[in-house]
C-alpha cells in the first residue's frame, strides 16, 4: 500500500489527490493507512523527493500544485476530524493546518475544547489553530492551560512562544 502512496508523491494530478482523499475517508480502511494517505496529501505541496518506500532520492519532476490536495481533502476534512480514530484525526488536523483549510476551524475548536479527545489530538488541534491564525486561539490556550493532561498544558505554554518566533 505504501507504494501507492509513494506514487502519489510523484503523480501531480487532481485525480491522484482525489484518490488519496477518498481512501482516507473510508471508515473500513486501516487507520494507519488512512493517516498515511492524509499525510501524503499534507506533504504534497512541498514533497521532498525522497521515496517513502526505499528512502532513495527521486527528484519531483515538476512544480507541485498546492490546490489539488486542498481541494481533494476539503469535502471530507470535517468528518475526518469529528469521527475518525485518533491517528487519522491527528493526521487530518495537521493536514488542515499545512493545507490552510480554514473551513476546518469549527471542528478544530471543538477538538481543542473536548476533554474526551485524546491529548495528542488536542495538542495537534491547538497547533493547527495557531497555524491557521484563529482569532479565538487565546481563549483555547487559556482553557488548555488548566487541562488535566500535562501534554495539553505544556502546549498551551509553548504555542505562544512558537507563534512569536514564526512572525
Foldseek 3Di string as FASTA:
>chain_A
DLVLLLVLLQPQDLVSLLVLLVVLLDQVDDPVSSLSSLLSLLCQQPRPQQRPPPRDGHDHPDHHDLVSNCVNNLVPLLVQCPPHPLSSNLSSLSSCLSSVNVVCLVSLVVLLPDLVHDLSNNLSSLLSCLSNVPPCSLVSLVVQCPHPDPSSVVSSVCSVVVSVVVD
